[in-house]
Amino acid sequence: MLNTTFELNDTTLTVKPVGELDSMTSPAFEAELRQHLTGVASIIVDFEKLNYISSAGLRVFLAMEQSLKDRNAEMKLIHVSEHIMEIFDLVGFLDVVTVE
């Protein structure tokens, strides 16, 4: 299960997913995220309460990164756990997205 809050402050959207982002939850997460993109220049995704991410979840962020790049917007991921950071490193995800 995944619960997500979206907070828009001027042109920055902060996204806070809570739970697991996998093949079951990623389609709804991506659809909801895309609904919040109007007028957004940057996205901050707070991974603090994300317990798990599968390849389906990674694909959402790869697609989002490309979509934002095409419109001169940016995305950064924050509070990424050590476990998820290891996954990012293993699959080369750190070469594509900004993690702080």
Protein backbone atom coordinates (compact mmCIF):
# COMPACT_ATOMS: atom_id res chain seq x y z
CA MET A 1 0.00 0.00 0.00
CA LEU A 2 1.13 3.54 -0.73
CA ASN A 3 -0.19 6.84 0.57
CA THR A 4 1.15 10.05 -0.87
CA THR A 5 0.84 13.70 0.04
CA PHE A 6 1.43 16.49 -2.45
CA GLU A 7 2.30 20.02 -1.33
CA LEU A 8 2.62 22.85 -3.84
CA ASN A 9 4.60 25.89 -2.76
CA ASP A 10 4.80 28.44 -5.58
CA THR A 11 6.26 26.34 -8.43
CA THR A 12 7.82 23.60 -6.28
CA LEU A 13 5.89 20.40 -5.69
CA THR A 14 6.90 18.30 -2.69
CA VAL A 15 5.84 14.67 -2.94
CA LYS A 16 5.87 12.43 0.13
CA PRO A 17 5.15 8.77 -0.61
CA VAL A 18 4.56 6.54 2.41
CA GLY A 19 4.75 2.75 2.13
CA GLU A 20 5.80 0.68 -0.86
CA LEU A 21 6.15 1.77 -4.48
CA ASP A 22 5.85 -1.40 -6.54
CA SER A 23 4.05 -2.81 -9.58
CA MET A 24 0.72 -2.62 -7.77
CA THR A 25 1.02 0.97 -6.51
CA SER A 26 3.17 2.70 -9.13
CA PRO A 27 0.48 3.18 -11.85
CA ALA A 28 -1.83 5.09 -9.49
CA PHE A 29 1.12 7.01 -8.00
CA GLU A 30 2.33 8.09 -11.44
CA ALA A 31 -1.17 9.11 -12.55
CA GLU A 32 -1.71 11.16 -9.40
CA LEU A 33 1.73 12.74 -9.68
CA ARG A 34 1.08 13.79 -13.28
CA GLN A 35 -2.16 15.49 -12.19
CA HIS A 36 -0.13 17.82 -9.96
CA LEU A 37 2.42 18.96 -12.57
CA THR A 38 0.66 22.02 -13.97
CA GLY A 39 2.86 25.07 -13.39
CA VAL A 40 5.52 23.07 -11.55
CA ALA A 41 9.17 24.01 -12.17
CA SER A 42 10.68 21.59 -9.66
CA ILE A 43 9.72 18.47 -7.76
CA ILE A 44 11.15 17.33 -4.47
CA VAL A 45 10.38 13.71 -3.64
CA ASP A 46 10.84 12.96 0.06
CA PHE A 47 11.71 9.27 0.48
CA GLU A 48 11.79 9.45 4.28
CA LYS A 49 8.78 7.13 4.70
CA LEU A 50 9.15 5.06 1.56
CA ASN A 51 9.95 1.52 2.73
CA TYR A 52 10.40 -0.19 -0.60
CA ILE A 53 10.77 0.57 -4.31
CA SER A 54 10.65 -1.97 -7.12
CA SER A 55 11.72 -1.64 -10.74
CA ALA A 56 8.20 -0.39 -11.53
CA GLY A 57 8.72 2.43 -9.05
CA LEU A 58 12.11 3.25 -10.54
CA ARG A 59 10.49 3.48 -13.99
CA VAL A 60 8.07 6.11 -12.68
CA PHE A 61 10.96 8.35 -11.63
CA LEU A 62 12.91 7.73 -14.83
CA ALA A 63 9.88 8.71 -16.91
CA MET A 64 9.25 11.73 -14.68
CA GLU A 65 12.88 12.85 -14.96
CA GLN A 66 12.68 12.75 -18.76
CA SER A 67 9.32 14.52 -18.82
CA LEU A 68 10.58 17.28 -16.55
CA LYS A 69 13.84 17.64 -18.49
CA ASP A 70 11.84 18.16 -21.69
CA ARG A 71 10.10 21.16 -20.10
CA ASN A 72 13.21 22.57 -18.34
CA ALA A 73 12.00 21.52 -14.91
CA GLU A 74 13.92 19.49 -12.34
CA MET A 75 13.43 16.75 -9.77
CA LYS A 76 15.46 15.83 -6.73
CA LEU A 77 15.06 12.99 -4.28
CA ILE A 78 15.72 13.57 -0.59
CA HIS A 79 15.91 11.48 2.58
CA VAL A 80 16.68 8.30 0.64
CA SER A 81 17.35 5.38 2.99
CA GLU A 82 20.62 3.51 2.82
CA HIS A 83 18.83 0.40 1.53
CA ILE A 84 17.12 2.25 -1.34
CA MET A 85 20.32 4.17 -2.08
CA GLU A 86 22.10 0.83 -2.56
CA ILE A 87 19.45 -0.17 -5.11
CA PHE A 88 19.86 3.19 -6.90
CA ASP A 89 23.61 2.68 -7.03
CA LEU A 90 23.35 -0.90 -8.24
CA VAL A 91 21.10 -0.08 -11.20
CA GLY A 92 22.90 3.15 -12.16
CA PHE A 93 19.95 5.31 -11.10
CA LEU A 94 22.29 7.85 -9.48
CA ASP A 95 23.62 8.74 -12.93
CA VAL A 96 20.14 9.83 -14.01
CA VAL A 97 18.47 11.53 -11.06
CA THR A 98 19.59 14.00 -8.41
CA VAL A 99 19.70 12.60 -4.88
CA GLU A 100 20.49 14.78 -1.88
